[in-house]
Amino acid sequence: MFGLGTQELLIILALVMVVFGAGKLPQVGTALGKGIRNFKAGVSDAGEEIDKLEEPRA
């Protein structure tokens, strides 16, 4: 996964906990999940629009 090992992931998790605090982690995770979901929906919608534009017209 992106060339990250267990030690690197633990260090990143520790830094996130220091920056945001343990109480804010669920909120950060929820916001990140919603952002990724919206990004995927936007990419999908853009792909559909491109497909519509590329269809041959009779």
PDB file of N, CA and C in Angstrom:
ATOM      1  N   MET A   1       0.850  -1.179   0.000  1.00  0.00           N
ATOM      2  CA  MET A   1       0.000   0.000   0.000  1.00  0.00           C
ATOM      3  C   MET A   1       0.894   1.240   0.000  1.00  0.00           C
ATOM      4  N   PHE A   2       1.130   1.819  -1.122  1.00  0.00           N
ATOM      5  CA  PHE A   2       1.902   3.038  -1.293  1.00  0.00           C
ATOM      6  C   PHE A   2       3.328   2.904  -0.772  1.00  0.00           C
ATOM      7  N   GLY A   3       3.814   1.686  -0.626  1.00  0.00           N
ATOM      8  CA  GLY A   3       5.167   1.492  -0.154  1.00  0.00           C
ATOM      9  C   GLY A   3       5.363   1.822   1.319  1.00  0.00           C
ATOM     10  N   LEU A   4       4.290   1.898   2.090  1.00  0.00           N
ATOM     11  CA  LEU A   4       4.398   2.201   3.515  1.00  0.00           C
ATOM     12  C   LEU A   4       4.347   0.908   4.312  1.00  0.00           C
ATOM     13  N   GLY A   5       5.245   0.794   5.262  1.00  0.00           N
ATOM     14  CA  GLY A   5       5.263  -0.369   6.136  1.00  0.00           C
ATOM     15  C   GLY A   5       4.485  -0.096   7.412  1.00  0.00           C
ATOM     16  N   THR A   6       4.490  -1.060   8.288  1.00  0.00           N
ATOM     17  CA  THR A   6       3.762  -0.949   9.545  1.00  0.00           C
ATOM     18  C   THR A   6       4.308   0.183  10.409  1.00  0.00           C
ATOM     19  N   GLN A   7       5.624   0.316  10.464  1.00  0.00           N
ATOM     20  CA  GLN A   7       6.225   1.359  11.293  1.00  0.00           C
ATOM     21  C   GLN A   7       5.840   2.750  10.803  1.00  0.00           C
ATOM     22  N   GLU A   8       5.852   2.935   9.495  1.00  0.00           N
ATOM     23  CA  GLU A   8       5.499   4.244   8.951  1.00  0.00           C
ATOM     24  C   GLU A   8       4.048   4.590   9.250  1.00  0.00           C
ATOM     25  N   LEU A   9       3.148   3.599   9.102  1.00  0.00           N
ATOM     26  CA  LEU A   9       1.736   3.837   9.380  1.00  0.00           C
ATOM     27  C   LEU A   9       1.503   4.173  10.851  1.00  0.00           C
ATOM     28  N   LEU A  10       2.228   3.517  11.749  1.00  0.00           N
ATOM     29  CA  LEU A  10       2.092   3.814  13.175  1.00  0.00           C
ATOM     30  C   LEU A  10       2.587   5.225  13.494  1.00  0.00           C
ATOM     31  N   ILE A  11       3.662   5.639  12.860  1.00  0.00           N
ATOM     32  CA  ILE A  11       4.172   7.001  13.079  1.00  0.00           C
ATOM     33  C   ILE A  11       3.167   8.032  12.575  1.00  0.00           C
ATOM     34  N   ILE A  12       2.593   7.783  11.400  1.00  0.00           N
ATOM     35  CA  ILE A  12       1.592   8.701  10.853  1.00  0.00           C
ATOM     36  C   ILE A  12       0.374   8.760  11.764  1.00  0.00           C
ATOM     37  N   LEU A  13      -0.087   7.616  12.252  1.00  0.00           N
ATOM     38  CA  LEU A  13      -1.230   7.585  13.170  1.00  0.00           C
ATOM     39  C   LEU A  13      -0.922   8.357  14.450  1.00  0.00           C
ATOM     40  N   ALA A  14       0.282   8.199  14.989  1.00  0.00           N
ATOM     41  CA  ALA A  14       0.663   8.923  16.198  1.00  0.00           C
ATOM     42  C   ALA A  14       0.674  10.434  15.947  1.00  0.00           C
ATOM     43  N   LEU A  15       1.187  10.861  14.803  1.00  0.00           N
ATOM     44  CA  LEU A  15       1.197  12.287  14.475  1.00  0.00           C
ATOM     45  C   LEU A  15      -0.218  12.839  14.323  1.00  0.00           C
ATOM     46  N   VAL A  16      -1.089  12.064  13.698  1.00  0.00           N
ATOM     47  CA  VAL A  16      -2.481  12.505  13.540  1.00  0.00           C
ATOM     48  C   VAL A  16      -3.145  12.643  14.903  1.00  0.00           C
ATOM     49  N   MET A  17      -2.882  11.714  15.792  1.00  0.00           N
ATOM     50  CA  MET A  17      -3.476  11.791  17.129  1.00  0.00           C
ATOM     51  C   MET A  17      -2.958  12.993  17.896  1.00  0.00           C
ATOM     52  N   VAL A  18      -1.689  13.339  17.713  1.00  0.00           N
ATOM     53  CA  VAL A  18      -1.127  14.504  18.393  1.00  0.00           C
ATOM     54  C   VAL A  18      -1.756  15.782  17.840  1.00  0.00           C
ATOM     55  N   VAL A  19      -1.902  15.856  16.526  1.00  0.00           N
ATOM     56  CA  VAL A  19      -2.420  17.069  15.890  1.00  0.00           C
ATOM     57  C   VAL A  19      -3.901  17.258  16.178  1.00  0.00           C
ATOM     58  N   PHE A  20      -4.697  16.218  15.986  1.00  0.00           N
ATOM     59  CA  PHE A  20      -6.149  16.353  16.110  1.00  0.00           C
ATOM     60  C   PHE A  20      -6.685  15.934  17.472  1.00  0.00           C
ATOM     61  N   GLY A  21      -5.981  15.121  18.188  1.00  0.00           N
ATOM     62  CA  GLY A  21      -6.463  14.613  19.462  1.00  0.00           C
ATOM     63  C   GLY A  21      -7.343  13.392  19.251  1.00  0.00           C
ATOM     64  N   ALA A  22      -7.401  12.536  20.252  1.00  0.00           N
ATOM     65  CA  ALA A  22      -8.140  11.286  20.118  1.00  0.00           C
ATOM     66  C   ALA A  22      -9.641  11.526  19.983  1.00  0.00           C
ATOM     67  N   GLY A  23     -10.161  12.586  20.577  1.00  0.00           N
ATOM     68  CA  GLY A  23     -11.595  12.866  20.513  1.00  0.00           C
ATOM     69  C   GLY A  23     -12.072  13.302  19.145  1.00  0.00           C
ATOM     70  N   LYS A  24     -11.201  13.910  18.363  1.00  0.00           N
ATOM     71  CA  LYS A  24     -11.567  14.416  17.038  1.00  0.00           C
ATOM     72  C   LYS A  24     -11.371  13.394  15.927  1.00  0.00           C
ATOM     73  N   LEU A  25     -10.710  12.276  16.190  1.00  0.00           N
ATOM     74  CA  LEU A  25     -10.428  11.299  15.141  1.00  0.00           C
ATOM     75  C   LEU A  25     -11.681  10.789  14.432  1.00  0.00           C
ATOM     76  N   PRO A  26     -12.771  10.468  15.139  1.00  0.00           N
ATOM     77  CA  PRO A  26     -13.969  10.028  14.408  1.00  0.00           C
ATOM     78  C   PRO A  26     -14.508  11.103  13.463  1.00  0.00           C
ATOM     79  N   GLN A  27     -14.452  12.352  13.876  1.00  0.00           N
ATOM     80  CA  GLN A  27     -14.923  13.436  13.010  1.00  0.00           C
ATOM     81  C   GLN A  27     -14.022  13.586  11.790  1.00  0.00           C
ATOM     82  N   VAL A  28     -12.726  13.465  11.993  1.00  0.00           N
ATOM     83  CA  VAL A  28     -11.779  13.567  10.880  1.00  0.00           C
ATOM     84  C   VAL A  28     -12.002  12.413   9.909  1.00  0.00           C
ATOM     85  N   GLY A  29     -12.192  11.218  10.422  1.00  0.00           N
ATOM     86  CA  GLY A  29     -12.442  10.048   9.571  1.00  0.00           C
ATOM     87  C   GLY A  29     -13.734  10.186   8.782  1.00  0.00           C
ATOM     88  N   THR A  30     -14.778  10.688   9.441  1.00  0.00           N
ATOM     89  CA  THR A  30     -16.054  10.895   8.757  1.00  0.00           C
ATOM     90  C   THR A  30     -15.918  11.920   7.646  1.00  0.00           C
ATOM     91  N   ALA A  31     -15.257  13.018   7.928  1.00  0.00           N
ATOM     92  CA  ALA A  31     -15.068  14.056   6.916  1.00  0.00           C
ATOM     93  C   ALA A  31     -14.235  13.533   5.744  1.00  0.00           C
ATOM     94  N   LEU A  32     -13.206  12.764   6.039  1.00  0.00           N
ATOM     95  CA  LEU A  32     -12.368  12.198   4.986  1.00  0.00           C
ATOM     96  C   LEU A  32     -13.175  11.227   4.124  1.00  0.00           C
ATOM     97  N   GLY A  33     -13.977  10.391   4.749  1.00  0.00           N
ATOM     98  CA  GLY A  33     -14.821   9.455   4.004  1.00  0.00           C
ATOM     99  C   GLY A  33     -15.817  10.161   3.107  1.00  0.00           C
ATOM    100  N   LYS A  34     -16.456  11.210   3.627  1.00  0.00           N
ATOM    101  CA  LYS A  34     -17.405  11.971   2.814  1.00  0.00           C
ATOM    102  C   LYS A  34     -16.702  12.650   1.647  1.00  0.00           C
ATOM    103  N   GLY A  35     -15.510  13.157   1.886  1.00  0.00           N
ATOM    104  CA  GLY A  35     -14.747  13.806   0.816  1.00  0.00           C
ATOM    105  C   GLY A  35     -14.387  12.828  -0.293  1.00  0.00           C
ATOM    106  N   ILE A  36     -13.950  11.643   0.084  1.00  0.00           N
ATOM    107  CA  ILE A  36     -13.601  10.627  -0.907  1.00  0.00           C
ATOM    108  C   ILE A  36     -14.847  10.197  -1.677  1.00  0.00           C
ATOM    109  N   ARG A  37     -15.970  10.028  -0.984  1.00  0.00           N
ATOM    110  CA  ARG A  37     -17.225   9.635  -1.631  1.00  0.00           C
ATOM    111  C   ARG A  37     -17.668  10.696  -2.629  1.00  0.00           C
ATOM    112  N   ASN A  38     -17.585  11.965  -2.251  1.00  0.00           N
ATOM    113  CA  ASN A  38     -17.958  13.047  -3.157  1.00  0.00           C
ATOM    114  C   ASN A  38     -17.023  13.116  -4.358  1.00  0.00           C
ATOM    115  N   PHE A  39     -15.738  12.887  -4.131  1.00  0.00           N
ATOM    116  CA  PHE A  39     -14.773  12.891  -5.232  1.00  0.00           C
ATOM    117  C   PHE A  39     -15.097  11.791  -6.234  1.00  0.00           C
ATOM    118  N   LYS A  40     -15.383  10.584  -5.738  1.00  0.00           N
ATOM    119  CA  LYS A  40     -15.720   9.476  -6.631  1.00  0.00           C
ATOM    120  C   LYS A  40     -16.995   9.775  -7.415  1.00  0.00           C
ATOM    121  N   ALA A  41     -17.986  10.370  -6.757  1.00  0.00           N
ATOM    122  CA  ALA A  41     -19.223  10.718  -7.452  1.00  0.00           C
ATOM    123  C   ALA A  41     -18.954  11.761  -8.533  1.00  0.00           C
ATOM    124  N   GLY A  42     -18.113  12.723  -8.248  1.00  0.00           N
ATOM    125  CA  GLY A  42     -17.770  13.753  -9.233  1.00  0.00           C
ATOM    126  C   GLY A  42     -17.037  13.173 -10.424  1.00  0.00           C
ATOM    127  N   VAL A  43     -16.112  12.265 -10.174  1.00  0.00           N
ATOM    128  CA  VAL A  43     -15.375  11.629 -11.267  1.00  0.00           C
ATOM    129  C   VAL A  43     -16.323  10.793 -12.112  1.00  0.00           C
ATOM    130  N   SER A  44     -17.233  10.082 -11.470  1.00  0.00           N
ATOM    131  CA  SER A  44     -18.202   9.263 -12.195  1.00  0.00           C
ATOM    132  C   SER A  44     -19.112  10.135 -13.057  1.00  0.00           C
ATOM    133  N   ASP A  45     -19.590  11.247 -12.494  1.00  0.00           N
ATOM    134  CA  ASP A  45     -20.456  12.151 -13.250  1.00  0.00           C
ATOM    135  C   ASP A  45     -19.714  12.750 -14.432  1.00  0.00           C
ATOM    136  N   ALA A  46     -18.467  13.111 -14.234  1.00  0.00           N
ATOM    137  CA  ALA A  46     -17.667  13.679 -15.319  1.00  0.00           C
ATOM    138  C   ALA A  46     -17.460  12.642 -16.418  1.00  0.00           C
ATOM    139  N   GLY A  47     -17.235  11.407 -16.043  1.00  0.00           N
ATOM    140  CA  GLY A  47     -17.067  10.331 -17.026  1.00  0.00           C
ATOM    141  C   GLY A  47     -18.325  10.121 -17.849  1.00  0.00           C
ATOM    142  N   GLU A  48     -19.480  10.189 -17.186  1.00  0.00           N
ATOM    143  CA  GLU A  48     -20.751  10.046 -17.901  1.00  0.00           C
ATOM    144  C   GLU A  48     -20.955  11.198 -18.879  1.00  0.00           C
ATOM    145  N   GLU A  49     -20.604  12.397 -18.483  1.00  0.00           N
ATOM    146  CA  GLU A  49     -20.740  13.555 -19.367  1.00  0.00           C
ATOM    147  C   GLU A  49     -19.825  13.423 -20.582  1.00  0.00           C
ATOM    148  N   ILE A  50     -18.615  12.939 -20.360  1.00  0.00           N
ATOM    149  CA  ILE A  50     -17.680  12.750 -21.473  1.00  0.00           C
ATOM    150  C   ILE A  50     -18.214  11.685 -22.427  1.00  0.00           C
ATOM    151  N   ASP A  51     -18.778  10.597 -21.870  1.00  0.00           N
ATOM    152  CA  ASP A  51     -19.336   9.558 -22.707  1.00  0.00           C
ATOM    153  C   ASP A  51     -20.477  10.087 -23.562  1.00  0.00           C
ATOM    154  N   LYS A  52     -21.310  10.952 -22.995  1.00  0.00           N
ATOM    155  CA  LYS A  52     -22.414  11.528 -23.741  1.00  0.00           C
ATOM    156  C   LYS A  52     -21.900  12.380 -24.891  1.00  0.00           C
ATOM    157  N   LEU A  53     -20.836  13.133 -24.639  1.00  0.00           N
ATOM    158  CA  LEU A  53     -20.278  13.998 -25.673  1.00  0.00           C
ATOM    159  C   LEU A  53     -19.592  13.199 -26.782  1.00  0.00           C
ATOM    160  N   GLU A  54     -19.068  12.030 -26.468  1.00  0.00           N
ATOM    161  CA  GLU A  54     -18.349  11.232 -27.443  1.00  0.00           C
ATOM    162  C   GLU A  54     -19.249  10.347 -28.290  1.00  0.00           C
ATOM    163  N   GLU A  55     -20.534  10.209 -27.931  1.00  0.00           N
ATOM    164  CA  GLU A  55     -21.436   9.359 -28.706  1.00  0.00           C
ATOM    165  C   GLU A  55     -21.621   9.951 -30.092  1.00  0.00           C
ATOM    166  N   PRO A  56     -21.553   9.078 -31.107  1.00  0.00           N
ATOM    167  CA  PRO A  56     -21.753   9.583 -32.475  1.00  0.00           C
ATOM    168  C   PRO A  56     -23.203  10.039 -32.664  1.00  0.00           C
ATOM    169  N   ARG A  57     -23.345  11.105 -33.380  1.00  0.00           N
ATOM    170  CA  ARG A  57     -24.682  11.643 -33.625  1.00  0.00           C
ATOM    171  C   ARG A  57     -25.141  11.213 -35.003  1.00  0.00           C
ATOM    172  N   ALA A  58     -26.372  10.747 -35.077  1.00  0.00           N
ATOM    173  CA  ALA A  58     -26.902  10.260 -36.350  1.00  0.00           C
ATOM    174  C   ALA A  58     -27.665  11.332 -37.090  1.00  0.00           C
TER     175      ALA A  58
END
